[in-house]
Amino acid sequence: MTKQGPGLWVNIWHAIGLSFWYLIIKGLNRVEVRGEAYIPERGETGVMLVYNHISAIDPFVIAVTSMPFFSKVWWRAPAKEELFDIPIVRNIILTWGGFPVKRGKHDFRAIDKMATMLQNSVVVIAPEGTRSTDGTLRRGKAGVGKIIYDARPRKVIPVKVQGVEAILPKGRIFPRAGRKAMITYGAPIDLSRYYRLSESVETSQQIVDAVMEEISRL
């Protein structure tokens, strides 16, 4: 994978998209942001943002509240493989740093890819793997724990998303207006004790369980 950043034209495309979602999320709705001191600094790499998944627009809420305009580095996020079957959707996702993952399967290729990406990018991921329909935290997937174990990110930052499902509920195409939501960024999680353990599914699960515990505390 190249260390080159998004480049000027991709950053202009990102700026247009961020402006649109800024209007939706902060203009037409009210999203409170807490823990801004923990948001990655411009150009910082080796950072993983881990969030609870309650709405299809969660990644856009995180982008609007943390991703800098004209970023020097790529911000990456996984997307379900089926979306890449539609050429125009695939191209849009790719220009936003997205990459395909197989949901409900052990996608070792995607796990290895994310571990590599973390060396020179910011990776945004939902450990639960799918949206929570009732807002409660689900158990995180061991695959995310393996990514963390293999990559040893400089920072793993927990992010709690609340109320975003009111802006875009499941099954709705267009976002609502006049809703309130909150996104909280937490202090980087110290996972060093797990890196001393031998590599195993159990170790990976312990790591992601610790991550989900930190998200629940926000």
Protein backbone atom coordinates (compact mmCIF):
# COMPACT_ATOMS: atom_id res chain seq x y z
CA MET A 1 0.00 0.00 0.00
CA THR A 2 1.29 3.46 -0.87
CA LYS A 3 2.11 6.06 1.75
CA GLN A 4 0.88 8.79 -0.51
CA GLY A 5 -2.02 10.85 0.80
CA PRO A 6 -5.33 11.53 -0.94
CA GLY A 7 -3.96 14.33 -3.15
CA LEU A 8 -5.50 17.65 -4.12
CA TRP A 9 -8.42 16.52 -6.28
CA VAL A 10 -9.54 13.80 -3.92
CA ASN A 11 -9.31 16.28 -1.05
CA ILE A 12 -11.50 18.72 -3.00
CA TRP A 13 -14.02 15.89 -3.48
CA HIS A 14 -13.83 15.15 0.24
CA ALA A 15 -14.36 18.83 1.05
CA ILE A 16 -17.54 18.88 -1.05
CA GLY A 17 -18.81 15.74 0.67
CA LEU A 18 -17.90 16.94 4.14
CA SER A 19 -19.66 20.24 3.49
CA PHE A 20 -22.83 18.39 2.46
CA TRP A 21 -22.80 16.19 5.54
CA TYR A 22 -21.89 19.14 7.74
CA LEU A 23 -25.11 20.80 6.56
CA ILE A 24 -27.15 17.66 7.31
CA ILE A 25 -25.56 16.83 10.63
CA LYS A 26 -24.76 20.23 12.14
CA GLY A 27 -26.91 22.59 10.09
CA LEU A 28 -30.25 20.81 9.99
CA ASN A 29 -29.66 18.86 13.20
CA ARG A 30 -27.85 19.49 16.45
CA VAL A 31 -24.92 17.20 17.17
CA GLU A 32 -22.98 17.84 20.36
CA VAL A 33 -19.32 16.80 20.34
CA ARG A 34 -17.48 15.86 23.52
CA GLY A 35 -13.87 14.86 24.08
CA GLU A 36 -12.52 16.93 21.18
CA ALA A 37 -9.06 16.84 22.78
CA TYR A 38 -8.83 13.16 21.83
CA ILE A 39 -9.59 13.64 18.13
CA PRO A 40 -6.55 12.71 15.96
CA GLU A 41 -4.36 15.64 15.00
CA ARG A 42 -4.00 16.65 11.35
CA GLY A 43 -1.58 14.28 9.62
CA GLU A 44 -1.50 11.80 12.51
CA THR A 45 -1.30 8.14 11.47
CA GLY A 46 -1.49 4.78 13.18
CA VAL A 47 -4.80 5.71 14.79
CA MET A 48 -7.90 3.56 15.01
CA LEU A 49 -11.28 5.09 15.87
CA VAL A 50 -13.64 2.41 17.22
CA TYR A 51 -17.33 3.28 17.52
CA ASN A 52 -20.70 1.74 18.34
CA HIS A 53 -22.86 1.31 15.25
CA ILE A 54 -26.47 2.54 15.39
CA SER A 55 -27.10 4.21 12.02
CA ALA A 56 -25.90 4.00 8.42
CA ILE A 57 -24.59 7.57 8.71
CA ASP A 58 -22.37 6.92 11.76
CA PRO A 59 -19.18 7.08 9.64
CA PHE A 60 -20.28 10.44 8.20
CA VAL A 61 -20.96 11.82 11.68
CA ILE A 62 -17.45 10.79 12.69
CA ALA A 63 -16.00 12.30 9.50
CA VAL A 64 -17.76 15.63 10.03
CA THR A 65 -16.72 15.86 13.67
CA SER A 66 -13.12 14.64 13.39
CA MET A 67 -11.77 14.39 9.83
CA PRO A 68 -9.86 17.53 8.77
CA PHE A 69 -10.50 19.28 5.47
CA PHE A 70 -7.61 18.63 3.05
CA SER A 71 -6.14 15.82 5.11
CA LYS A 72 -2.53 14.82 4.52
CA VAL A 73 -3.33 11.16 5.16
CA TRP A 74 -6.09 8.76 4.17
CA TRP A 75 -8.97 8.09 6.52
CA ARG A 76 -10.08 4.50 5.89
CA ALA A 77 -13.26 2.61 6.72
CA PRO A 78 -14.61 -0.85 5.83
CA ALA A 79 -17.86 -1.23 3.89
CA LYS A 80 -19.90 -4.35 3.20
CA GLU A 81 -18.74 -6.19 0.11
CA GLU A 82 -22.16 -6.08 -1.59
CA LEU A 83 -21.91 -2.31 -2.09
CA PHE A 84 -18.92 -2.83 -4.39
CA ASP A 85 -21.10 -4.76 -6.87
CA ILE A 86 -22.57 -1.42 -8.03
CA PRO A 87 -19.88 0.36 -10.13
CA ILE A 88 -20.80 3.96 -9.30
CA VAL A 89 -21.21 3.16 -5.59
CA ARG A 90 -17.92 1.24 -5.61
CA ASN A 91 -16.05 4.18 -7.13
CA ILE A 92 -17.51 6.65 -4.65
CA ILE A 93 -16.63 4.44 -1.68
CA LEU A 94 -13.08 3.93 -2.95
CA THR A 95 -12.48 7.67 -3.32
CA TRP A 96 -13.55 8.05 0.31
CA GLY A 97 -10.98 5.50 1.48
CA GLY A 98 -13.46 2.66 1.82
CA PHE A 99 -12.62 -0.98 1.16
CA PRO A 100 -14.75 -4.16 1.00
CA VAL A 101 -15.21 -6.66 3.81
CA LYS A 102 -17.27 -9.84 3.92
CA ARG A 103 -19.87 -9.52 6.64
CA GLY A 104 -20.54 -12.55 8.83
CA LYS A 105 -17.38 -14.30 7.64
CA HIS A 106 -13.76 -14.49 8.73
CA ASP A 107 -12.33 -12.14 6.12
CA PHE A 108 -8.64 -12.64 6.83
CA ARG A 109 -7.64 -10.71 3.72
CA ALA A 110 -9.49 -7.61 4.95
CA ILE A 111 -8.02 -8.06 8.45
CA ASP A 112 -4.48 -8.12 7.04
CA LYS A 113 -5.27 -5.12 4.82
CA MET A 114 -6.52 -3.03 7.75
CA ALA A 115 -3.46 -3.91 9.81
CA THR A 116 -1.28 -2.65 6.94
CA MET A 117 -3.39 0.48 6.43
CA LEU A 118 -2.96 1.46 10.06
CA GLN A 119 0.74 2.06 9.49
CA ASN A 120 0.07 5.25 7.53
CA SER A 121 -3.65 6.04 7.83
CA VAL A 122 -6.50 6.59 10.25
CA VAL A 123 -8.89 3.63 10.30
CA VAL A 124 -12.49 4.05 11.44
CA ILE A 125 -14.31 0.84 12.35
CA ALA A 126 -17.34 -0.49 14.24
CA PRO A 127 -16.23 -3.58 16.22
CA GLU A 128 -19.82 -4.86 16.39
CA GLY A 129 -19.77 -5.41 12.63
CA THR A 130 -23.40 -4.43 12.11
CA ARG A 131 -25.93 -1.90 13.36
CA SER A 132 -27.61 -2.31 16.72
CA THR A 133 -31.37 -2.12 16.17
CA ASP A 134 -32.17 -1.08 19.74
CA GLY A 135 -29.13 1.04 20.59
CA THR A 136 -27.59 -1.46 23.01
CA LEU A 137 -23.95 -2.38 22.60
CA ARG A 138 -23.32 -5.76 21.01
CA ARG A 139 -20.25 -7.87 21.58
CA GLY A 140 -17.37 -6.88 19.34
CA LYS A 141 -15.94 -9.20 16.71
CA ALA A 142 -12.68 -11.00 17.45
CA GLY A 143 -11.44 -9.97 14.00
CA VAL A 144 -11.16 -6.36 15.17
CA GLY A 145 -9.14 -7.53 18.15
CA LYS A 146 -6.80 -9.37 15.79
CA ILE A 147 -6.30 -6.22 13.70
CA ILE A 148 -5.31 -4.34 16.85
CA TYR A 149 -3.04 -7.18 18.01
CA ASP A 150 -1.28 -7.42 14.65
CA ALA A 151 -1.03 -3.68 13.91
CA ARG A 152 -0.34 -2.35 17.45
CA PRO A 153 -1.87 1.07 16.62
CA ARG A 154 -0.27 4.15 18.15
CA LYS A 155 -3.72 5.02 19.45
CA VAL A 156 -7.04 3.20 19.76
CA ILE A 157 -9.65 5.87 20.44
CA PRO A 158 -13.14 4.85 21.64
CA VAL A 159 -16.06 6.78 20.18
CA LYS A 160 -19.63 6.65 21.44
CA VAL A 161 -22.41 7.66 19.07
CA GLN A 162 -25.80 8.51 20.56
CA GLY A 163 -29.05 9.68 18.97
CA VAL A 164 -27.85 9.46 15.36
CA GLU A 165 -30.43 6.78 14.61
CA ALA A 166 -33.07 9.51 15.03
CA ILE A 167 -31.52 11.43 12.12
CA LEU A 168 -31.49 8.42 9.81
CA PRO A 169 -33.47 5.45 11.16
CA LYS A 170 -33.03 2.04 9.58
CA GLY A 171 -35.08 1.76 6.40
CA ARG A 172 -35.23 5.50 5.78
CA ILE A 173 -33.51 6.95 2.69
CA PHE A 174 -33.41 10.68 3.48
CA PRO A 175 -32.13 12.12 6.79
CA ARG A 176 -34.49 13.93 9.12
CA ALA A 177 -34.02 17.46 10.46
CA GLY A 178 -34.39 18.98 13.90
CA ARG A 179 -32.97 16.02 15.82
CA LYS A 180 -30.39 15.99 18.63
CA ALA A 181 -27.44 13.63 18.84
CA MET A 182 -24.14 13.35 20.66
CA ILE A 183 -20.73 11.93 19.77
CA THR A 184 -18.11 11.41 22.44
CA TYR A 185 -14.40 10.80 21.86
CA GLY A 186 -12.56 9.07 24.67
CA ALA A 187 -8.95 8.86 25.79
CA PRO A 188 -6.76 6.34 23.93
CA ILE A 189 -7.13 2.84 25.32
CA ASP A 190 -4.07 1.18 26.87
CA LEU A 191 -4.06 -2.34 25.41
CA SER A 192 -0.36 -3.07 26.00
CA ARG A 193 -1.08 -5.85 28.49
CA TYR A 194 -2.77 -7.89 25.75
CA TYR A 195 0.21 -7.59 23.42
CA ARG A 196 2.23 -9.68 25.86
CA LEU A 197 -0.20 -12.58 25.42
CA SER A 198 0.23 -15.24 22.75
CA GLU A 199 -1.73 -14.74 19.53
CA SER A 200 -5.05 -16.57 19.65
CA VAL A 201 -8.77 -16.10 19.09
CA GLU A 202 -9.16 -15.73 22.85
CA THR A 203 -6.60 -12.91 22.99
CA SER A 204 -8.29 -11.14 20.07
CA GLN A 205 -11.66 -11.43 21.79
CA GLN A 206 -10.25 -10.08 25.06
CA ILE A 207 -8.89 -7.06 23.20
CA VAL A 208 -12.15 -6.21 21.49
CA ASP A 209 -14.08 -6.83 24.73
CA ALA A 210 -11.84 -4.26 26.44
CA VAL A 211 -12.51 -1.84 23.57
CA MET A 212 -16.30 -2.27 23.84
CA GLU A 213 -16.07 -1.78 27.60
CA GLU A 214 -14.35 1.58 27.09
CA ILE A 215 -17.01 2.64 24.58
CA SER A 216 -19.74 1.74 27.07
CA ARG A 217 -18.15 3.99 29.72
CA LEU A 218 -18.30 7.14 27.58
